Protein backbone atom coordinates (compact mmCIF):
# COMPACT_ATOMS: atom_id res chain seq x y z
CA MET A 1 -33.07 -16.39 -48.79
CA SER A 2 -32.66 -12.69 -48.38
CA ASN A 3 -33.55 -12.87 -44.66
CA THR A 4 -30.90 -15.58 -44.10
CA ILE A 5 -28.32 -13.38 -45.80
CA GLU A 6 -29.32 -10.49 -43.69
CA ALA A 7 -29.28 -12.60 -40.48
CA ILE A 8 -25.79 -13.81 -41.31
CA HIS A 9 -24.61 -10.35 -42.04
CA LEU A 10 -26.22 -9.10 -38.72
CA LEU A 11 -24.49 -11.93 -37.02
CA GLU A 12 -21.17 -11.02 -38.41
CA VAL A 13 -21.61 -7.32 -37.40
CA LYS A 14 -22.49 -8.32 -33.96
CA LEU A 15 -19.46 -10.87 -33.79
CA GLN A 16 -17.12 -8.11 -35.05
CA ASN A 17 -18.51 -5.77 -32.28
CA LEU A 18 -17.96 -8.41 -29.57
CA LEU A 19 -14.42 -8.97 -30.85
CA SER A 20 -13.71 -5.30 -30.81
CA ASN A 21 -15.13 -4.98 -27.32
CA TYR A 22 -13.13 -7.99 -26.22
CA GLU A 23 -9.82 -6.50 -27.52
CA PHE A 24 -10.55 -3.15 -25.94
CA LEU A 25 -11.38 -4.77 -22.55
CA LYS A 26 -8.32 -6.96 -22.73
CA LYS A 27 -6.16 -3.81 -23.28
CA GLU A 28 -7.90 -1.87 -20.49
CA ASN A 29 -7.31 -4.92 -18.16
CA ASP A 30 -3.63 -5.04 -18.98
CA ILE A 31 -3.27 -1.34 -18.16
CA LEU A 32 -5.23 -1.78 -14.89
CA LEU A 33 -3.12 -4.73 -13.95
CA ARG A 34 0.17 -2.81 -14.58
CA GLU A 35 -1.27 0.19 -12.60
CA THR A 36 -2.25 -2.20 -9.65
CA THR A 37 1.21 -3.60 -9.64
CA SER A 38 2.73 -0.11 -9.59
CA LEU A 39 0.52 0.97 -6.84
CA ARG A 40 1.25 -2.10 -4.65
CA HIS A 41 4.99 -1.53 -5.21
CA GLN A 42 4.57 2.14 -4.02
CA LEU A 43 2.38 1.09 -0.99
CA LEU A 44 5.08 -1.40 0.00
CA GLU A 45 7.71 1.29 -0.35
CA LYS A 46 5.63 3.71 1.71
CA GLU A 47 5.01 1.00 4.45
CA GLN A 48 8.73 0.33 4.73
CA LEU A 49 9.44 4.08 5.01
CA LEU A 50 6.86 4.36 7.66
CA SER A 51 8.31 1.39 9.60
CA ASN A 52 11.87 2.91 9.36
CA GLN A 53 10.66 6.30 10.49
CA LYS A 54 8.67 4.83 13.50
CA LYS A 55 11.92 2.88 14.54
CA GLU A 56 13.90 6.10 14.21
CA TYR A 57 11.31 7.92 16.16
CA ASP A 58 11.38 5.39 19.02
CA LEU A 59 15.09 5.68 19.02
CA LEU A 60 15.00 9.45 19.27
CA LYS A 61 12.48 9.21 22.14
CA ILE A 62 14.78 6.93 23.97
CA ALA A 63 17.82 9.09 23.39
CA LYS A 64 15.87 12.23 24.43
CA THR A 65 14.83 10.45 27.72
CA ILE A 66 18.35 9.30 28.36
CA GLU A 67 19.54 12.88 27.70
CA GLY A 68 17.74 14.13 30.73
CA SER A 69 14.21 14.86 29.52
CA SER A 70 11.68 14.02 32.15
CA THR A 71 9.04 12.90 29.68
CA ASN A 72 8.74 9.30 28.58
CA THR A 73 11.13 8.09 31.25
CA ARG A 74 8.86 5.13 32.19
CA GLU A 75 8.71 4.01 28.55
CA THR A 76 12.44 4.32 28.30
CA LYS A 77 13.18 2.28 31.39
CA LEU A 78 10.85 -0.49 30.04
CA LYS A 79 12.58 -0.34 26.76
CA ILE A 80 15.96 -0.69 28.44
CA ASN A 81 14.72 -3.54 30.59
CA THR A 82 13.45 -5.35 27.61
CA LEU A 83 16.77 -4.92 25.87
CA ILE A 84 18.59 -6.29 28.98
CA ARG A 85 16.29 -9.24 29.14
CA GLU A 86 17.03 -9.99 25.45
CA ILE A 87 20.79 -9.72 26.05
CA ASP A 88 20.53 -12.06 29.00
CA LYS A 89 18.64 -14.62 26.92
CA CYS A 90 21.47 -14.37 24.29
CA ILE A 91 24.08 -14.79 26.92
CA ILE A 92 22.28 -17.93 28.30
CA GLN A 93 21.99 -19.39 24.76
CA LEU A 94 25.73 -18.75 24.11
CA ASN A 95 26.67 -20.52 27.33
CA GLU A 96 24.65 -23.69 26.63
């Protein structure tokens, strides 16, 4: 009978340890999920900032080329041609 009581007591101790570990891991998981969400949000903001800065850089390159700089003239001409083609497509769509 004594062995049965000891086994039950040991089982209760192990069960309490498991529940304690479960609660700890649950809290840790919540913290990690919040941190992951925060980091994803920061990453998205940084990607948007990078995209905006790339666009601004491209515009500055074009402006510098138009200004008279001899570097990147081919690239600027290609960009201007692309813009003209897009404008032509828009005009054609408006006339239809």
